[in-house]
Amino acid sequence: MAKTVAERTSPTQRQSVSENQFTAHVHARPAIDGVSGVLISDSEYPVRVAFSLLNKLLEEFMIKVSKASWQMQANNLALSGNIPSKGEGIVKSSEFPQAQEYLARYQDPRQADTILRVQQELDDTKIVLHNTIDSVLQRGEDLDKLVEKSGSLSQQSKMFYKSARKQNSCCGIM
């Protein structure tokens, strides 16, 4: 899947292709670089974060790994038609250990991406705010009930006072 999608992506283009429950995110560098990055993730992984990871990896790859060291291996693979097995590639992980570091850091997209982290914090704040508003409204309803009950008590005490006065007015103290 990665090879096919990378071959069909024009230089300087980015695209995402879904297949079953997976999505292949492809970032093709300019033709002069001759490099494309493919990230295969589940369909729930944020697209923006995937392309951010690919962009950082490709930039660092172009800086840290010389073109000659990977181009010969790529040509040999192209001529033989063999595809490296999973976990292997043109460049050994010992030559470019940053790839593993980036993959570990980007396992949780919210931790790796500041915009997602801020969005998560906003969502959490919104939930707290909604709960606070609900509790204030609940207190308001409780206060309204208390005011209503105190009004009723006030009326009843006035009626009691009037009836007690009537009762006491018939009798005199001598």
C-alpha atoms as a PDB file:
ATOM      1  CA  MET A   1       0.000   0.000   0.000  1.00  0.00           C
ATOM      2  CA  ALA A   2       2.764   2.443   0.976  1.00  0.00           C
ATOM      3  CA  LYS A   3       4.719   1.842  -2.233  1.00  0.00           C
ATOM      4  CA  THR A   4       1.682   2.249  -4.477  1.00  0.00           C
ATOM      5  CA  VAL A   5       0.476   5.411  -2.775  1.00  0.00           C
ATOM      6  CA  ALA A   6       3.973   6.936  -2.783  1.00  0.00           C
ATOM      7  CA  GLU A   7       4.412   6.203  -6.491  1.00  0.00           C
ATOM      8  CA  ARG A   8       1.059   7.793  -7.348  1.00  0.00           C
ATOM      9  CA  THR A   9       1.669  10.992  -5.387  1.00  0.00           C
ATOM     10  CA  SER A  10       3.120  13.826  -7.447  1.00  0.00           C
ATOM     11  CA  PRO A  11       6.201  15.623  -6.120  1.00  0.00           C
ATOM     12  CA  THR A  12       5.434  18.424  -3.612  1.00  0.00           C
ATOM     13  CA  GLN A  13       1.968  16.982  -2.996  1.00  0.00           C
ATOM     14  CA  ARG A  14       0.299  15.557   0.094  1.00  0.00           C
ATOM     15  CA  GLN A  15      -2.589  13.165   0.155  1.00  0.00           C
ATOM     16  CA  SER A  16      -4.375  10.677   2.368  1.00  0.00           C
ATOM     17  CA  VAL A  17      -5.715   7.388   1.067  1.00  0.00           C
ATOM     18  CA  SER A  18      -8.017   5.146   3.109  1.00  0.00           C
ATOM     19  CA  GLU A  19      -7.994   1.373   2.836  1.00  0.00           C
ATOM     20  CA  ASN A  20     -10.211  -0.627   5.194  1.00  0.00           C
ATOM     21  CA  GLN A  21      -9.569   0.735   8.709  1.00  0.00           C
ATOM     22  CA  PHE A  22      -6.188   2.271   7.802  1.00  0.00           C
ATOM     23  CA  THR A  23      -5.200   5.563   6.214  1.00  0.00           C
ATOM     24  CA  ALA A  24      -1.955   6.159   4.344  1.00  0.00           C
ATOM     25  CA  HIS A  25      -0.757   9.749   4.606  1.00  0.00           C
ATOM     26  CA  VAL A  26       1.793  10.603   1.913  1.00  0.00           C
ATOM     27  CA  HIS A  27       4.048  13.616   1.636  1.00  0.00           C
ATOM     28  CA  ALA A  28       6.158  13.724  -1.540  1.00  0.00           C
ATOM     29  CA  ARG A  29       9.124  16.076  -1.392  1.00  0.00           C
ATOM     30  CA  PRO A  30      10.210  17.983  -4.515  1.00  0.00           C
ATOM     31  CA  ALA A  31      11.481  15.766  -7.332  1.00  0.00           C
ATOM     32  CA  ILE A  32      15.039  16.984  -6.817  1.00  0.00           C
ATOM     33  CA  ASP A  33      15.049  15.380  -3.352  1.00  0.00           C
ATOM     34  CA  GLY A  34      13.562  12.118  -4.616  1.00  0.00           C
ATOM     35  CA  VAL A  35      12.032  11.320  -1.240  1.00  0.00           C
ATOM     36  CA  SER A  36       8.490  10.591  -0.141  1.00  0.00           C
ATOM     37  CA  GLY A  37       7.228   9.846   3.317  1.00  0.00           C
ATOM     38  CA  VAL A  38       4.332   7.499   4.033  1.00  0.00           C
ATOM     39  CA  LEU A  39       2.669   7.177   7.408  1.00  0.00           C
ATOM     40  CA  ILE A  40       0.056   4.458   7.837  1.00  0.00           C
ATOM     41  CA  SER A  41      -2.279   4.960  10.769  1.00  0.00           C
ATOM     42  CA  ASP A  42      -5.762   4.070  11.865  1.00  0.00           C
ATOM     43  CA  SER A  43      -8.530   6.201  10.411  1.00  0.00           C
ATOM     44  CA  GLU A  44      -8.965   8.142  13.678  1.00  0.00           C
ATOM     45  CA  TYR A  45      -5.448   9.618  13.706  1.00  0.00           C
ATOM     46  CA  PRO A  46      -5.635  13.368  12.941  1.00  0.00           C
ATOM     47  CA  VAL A  47      -4.570  14.210   9.382  1.00  0.00           C
ATOM     48  CA  ARG A  48      -2.890  17.477  10.332  1.00  0.00           C
ATOM     49  CA  VAL A  49      -0.748  15.751  12.958  1.00  0.00           C
ATOM     50  CA  ALA A  50       0.207  12.982  10.514  1.00  0.00           C
ATOM     51  CA  PHE A  51       1.436  15.487   7.945  1.00  0.00           C
ATOM     52  CA  SER A  52       3.249  17.451  10.631  1.00  0.00           C
ATOM     53  CA  LEU A  53       5.094  14.277  11.641  1.00  0.00           C
ATOM     54  CA  LEU A  54       5.925  13.415   8.024  1.00  0.00           C
ATOM     55  CA  ASN A  55       7.186  16.917   7.333  1.00  0.00           C
ATOM     56  CA  LYS A  56       9.456  16.922  10.413  1.00  0.00           C
ATOM     57  CA  LEU A  57      10.768  13.438   9.658  1.00  0.00           C
ATOM     58  CA  LEU A  58      11.528  14.226   6.015  1.00  0.00           C
ATOM     59  CA  GLU A  59      13.225  17.527   6.893  1.00  0.00           C
ATOM     60  CA  GLU A  60      15.440  15.858   9.474  1.00  0.00           C
ATOM     61  CA  PHE A  61      16.088  12.885   7.189  1.00  0.00           C
ATOM     62  CA  MET A  62      17.314  15.177   4.422  1.00  0.00           C
ATOM     63  CA  ILE A  63      19.650  16.937   6.887  1.00  0.00           C
ATOM     64  CA  LYS A  64      21.030  13.914   8.784  1.00  0.00           C
ATOM     65  CA  VAL A  65      21.265  11.204   6.097  1.00  0.00           C
ATOM     66  CA  SER A  66      23.352  11.779   2.991  1.00  0.00           C
ATOM     67  CA  LYS A  67      21.650  11.246  -0.328  1.00  0.00           C
ATOM     68  CA  ALA A  68      24.383   8.887  -1.533  1.00  0.00           C
ATOM     69  CA  SER A  69      23.877   6.519   1.416  1.00  0.00           C
ATOM     70  CA  TRP A  70      20.230   5.841   0.697  1.00  0.00           C
ATOM     71  CA  GLN A  71      20.086   6.387  -3.069  1.00  0.00           C
ATOM     72  CA  MET A  72      22.251   3.348  -3.928  1.00  0.00           C
ATOM     73  CA  GLN A  73      20.122   1.083  -1.728  1.00  0.00           C
ATOM     74  CA  ALA A  74      16.939   2.505  -3.287  1.00  0.00           C
ATOM     75  CA  ASN A  75      18.256   1.830  -6.792  1.00  0.00           C
ATOM     76  CA  ASN A  76      19.134  -1.771  -5.847  1.00  0.00           C
ATOM     77  CA  LEU A  77      15.650  -2.312  -4.473  1.00  0.00           C
ATOM     78  CA  ALA A  78      14.061  -0.795  -7.579  1.00  0.00           C
ATOM     79  CA  LEU A  79      16.073  -3.058  -9.873  1.00  0.00           C
ATOM     80  CA  SER A  80      15.394  -6.212  -7.864  1.00  0.00           C
ATOM     81  CA  GLY A  81      11.717  -5.419  -7.278  1.00  0.00           C
ATOM     82  CA  ASN A  82      11.993  -6.663  -3.704  1.00  0.00           C
ATOM     83  CA  ILE A  83      10.129  -4.817  -0.999  1.00  0.00           C
ATOM     84  CA  PRO A  84      11.798  -4.638   2.406  1.00  0.00           C
ATOM     85  CA  SER A  85      10.015  -6.573   5.115  1.00  0.00           C
ATOM     86  CA  LYS A  86       8.192  -4.794   7.898  1.00  0.00           C
ATOM     87  CA  GLY A  87      10.543  -2.901  10.186  1.00  0.00           C
ATOM     88  CA  GLU A  88      13.274  -2.756   7.572  1.00  0.00           C
ATOM     89  CA  GLY A  89      13.888  -0.113   4.992  1.00  0.00           C
ATOM     90  CA  ILE A  90      16.424   1.523   2.794  1.00  0.00           C
ATOM     91  CA  VAL A  91      18.037   3.220   5.762  1.00  0.00           C
ATOM     92  CA  LYS A  92      18.776   1.226   8.900  1.00  0.00           C
ATOM     93  CA  SER A  93      17.287   2.517  12.138  1.00  0.00           C
ATOM     94  CA  SER A  94      20.821   2.912  13.532  1.00  0.00           C
ATOM     95  CA  GLU A  95      21.566   5.445  10.771  1.00  0.00           C
ATOM     96  CA  PHE A  96      18.415   7.475  11.487  1.00  0.00           C
ATOM     97  CA  PRO A  97      17.308   6.828  15.106  1.00  0.00           C
ATOM     98  CA  GLN A  98      15.241  10.024  15.129  1.00  0.00           C
ATOM     99  CA  ALA A  99      12.486   8.138  13.297  1.00  0.00           C
ATOM    100  CA  GLN A 100      11.835   5.943  16.336  1.00  0.00           C
ATOM    101  CA  GLU A 101      11.933   8.971  18.631  1.00  0.00           C
ATOM    102  CA  TYR A 102       9.349  10.798  16.522  1.00  0.00           C
ATOM    103  CA  LEU A 103       7.106   7.743  16.333  1.00  0.00           C
ATOM    104  CA  ALA A 104       7.236   7.344  20.103  1.00  0.00           C
ATOM    105  CA  ARG A 105       6.462  11.041  20.642  1.00  0.00           C
ATOM    106  CA  TYR A 106       3.569  11.067  18.156  1.00  0.00           C
ATOM    107  CA  GLN A 107       1.803   7.978  19.547  1.00  0.00           C
ATOM    108  CA  ASP A 108      -0.500  10.342  21.410  1.00  0.00           C
ATOM    109  CA  PRO A 109      -1.297  13.127  18.940  1.00  0.00           C
ATOM    110  CA  ARG A 110      -2.536  15.447  21.718  1.00  0.00           C
ATOM    111  CA  GLN A 111       0.845  15.366  23.421  1.00  0.00           C
ATOM    112  CA  ALA A 112       2.778  15.945  20.204  1.00  0.00           C
ATOM    113  CA  ASP A 113       0.631  18.668  18.692  1.00  0.00           C
ATOM    114  CA  THR A 114       0.118  21.930  20.561  1.00  0.00           C
ATOM    115  CA  ILE A 115      -3.083  22.834  18.727  1.00  0.00           C
ATOM    116  CA  LEU A 116      -4.688  19.515  19.664  1.00  0.00           C
ATOM    117  CA  ARG A 117      -3.452  19.935  23.238  1.00  0.00           C
ATOM    118  CA  VAL A 118      -4.975  23.433  23.434  1.00  0.00           C
ATOM    119  CA  GLN A 119      -8.198  22.124  21.873  1.00  0.00           C
ATOM    120  CA  GLN A 120      -8.332  19.355  24.498  1.00  0.00           C
ATOM    121  CA  GLU A 121      -7.783  21.898  27.274  1.00  0.00           C
ATOM    122  CA  LEU A 122     -10.541  24.089  25.811  1.00  0.00           C
ATOM    123  CA  ASP A 123     -12.892  21.111  25.691  1.00  0.00           C
ATOM    124  CA  ASP A 124     -12.082  20.265  29.312  1.00  0.00           C
ATOM    125  CA  THR A 125     -12.623  23.895  30.342  1.00  0.00           C
ATOM    126  CA  LYS A 126     -15.915  23.960  28.462  1.00  0.00           C
ATOM    127  CA  ILE A 127     -17.111  20.870  30.343  1.00  0.00           C
ATOM    128  CA  VAL A 128     -16.179  22.441  33.695  1.00  0.00           C
ATOM    129  CA  LEU A 129     -17.903  25.669  32.676  1.00  0.00           C
ATOM    130  CA  HIS A 130     -21.083  23.831  31.666  1.00  0.00           C
ATOM    131  CA  ASN A 131     -21.092  21.970  34.992  1.00  0.00           C
ATOM    132  CA  THR A 132     -20.625  25.251  36.866  1.00  0.00           C
ATOM    133  CA  ILE A 133     -23.462  26.902  34.963  1.00  0.00           C
ATOM    134  CA  ASP A 134     -25.698  23.908  35.641  1.00  0.00           C
ATOM    135  CA  SER A 135     -24.917  24.073  39.364  1.00  0.00           C
ATOM    136  CA  VAL A 136     -25.555  27.846  39.438  1.00  0.00           C
ATOM    137  CA  LEU A 137     -28.895  27.326  37.693  1.00  0.00           C
ATOM    138  CA  GLN A 138     -29.705  24.558  40.153  1.00  0.00           C
ATOM    139  CA  ARG A 139     -28.862  26.873  43.055  1.00  0.00           C
ATOM    140  CA  GLY A 140     -31.034  29.567  41.472  1.00  0.00           C
ATOM    141  CA  GLU A 141     -33.944  27.138  41.315  1.00  0.00           C
ATOM    142  CA  ASP A 142     -33.295  26.134  44.949  1.00  0.00           C
ATOM    143  CA  LEU A 143     -33.221  29.815  45.984  1.00  0.00           C
ATOM    144  CA  ASP A 144     -36.497  30.440  44.151  1.00  0.00           C
ATOM    145  CA  LYS A 145     -38.062  27.545  46.050  1.00  0.00           C
ATOM    146  CA  LEU A 146     -36.730  28.917  49.349  1.00  0.00           C
ATOM    147  CA  VAL A 147     -38.101  32.400  48.582  1.00  0.00           C
ATOM    148  CA  GLU A 148     -41.469  30.851  47.709  1.00  0.00           C
ATOM    149  CA  LYS A 149     -41.501  28.823  50.939  1.00  0.00           C
ATOM    150  CA  SER A 150     -40.482  31.847  53.028  1.00  0.00           C
ATOM    151  CA  GLY A 151     -43.303  33.865  51.421  1.00  0.00           C
ATOM    152  CA  SER A 152     -45.729  31.094  52.261  1.00  0.00           C
ATOM    153  CA  LEU A 153     -44.401  30.941  55.834  1.00  0.00           C
ATOM    154  CA  SER A 154     -44.758  34.710  56.144  1.00  0.00           C
ATOM    155  CA  GLN A 155     -48.382  34.532  55.006  1.00  0.00           C
ATOM    156  CA  GLN A 156     -49.126  31.686  57.390  1.00  0.00           C
ATOM    157  CA  SER A 157     -47.520  33.532  60.307  1.00  0.00           C
ATOM    158  CA  LYS A 158     -49.626  36.643  59.557  1.00  0.00           C
ATOM    159  CA  MET A 159     -52.762  34.515  59.459  1.00  0.00           C
ATOM    160  CA  PHE A 160     -51.730  32.866  62.729  1.00  0.00           C
ATOM    161  CA  TYR A 161     -51.113  36.280  64.301  1.00  0.00           C
ATOM    162  CA  LYS A 162     -54.538  37.541  63.192  1.00  0.00           C
ATOM    163  CA  SER A 163     -56.350  34.456  64.425  1.00  0.00           C
ATOM    164  CA  ALA A 164     -54.421  34.587  67.721  1.00  0.00           C
ATOM    165  CA  ARG A 165     -55.404  38.246  68.167  1.00  0.00           C
ATOM    166  CA  LYS A 166     -59.050  37.407  67.548  1.00  0.00           C
ATOM    167  CA  GLN A 167     -58.855  34.585  70.017  1.00  0.00           C
ATOM    168  CA  ASN A 168     -57.204  36.752  72.650  1.00  0.00           C
ATOM    169  CA  SER A 169     -59.507  39.769  72.085  1.00  0.00           C
ATOM    170  CA  CYS A 170     -62.555  38.071  73.553  1.00  0.00           C
ATOM    171  CA  CYS A 171     -60.861  37.489  76.818  1.00  0.00           C
ATOM    172  CA  GLY A 172     -59.731  40.215  79.123  1.00  0.00           C
ATOM    173  CA  ILE A 173     -57.320  40.210  81.944  1.00  0.00           C
ATOM    174  CA  MET A 174     -58.709  41.476  85.226  1.00  0.00           C
END
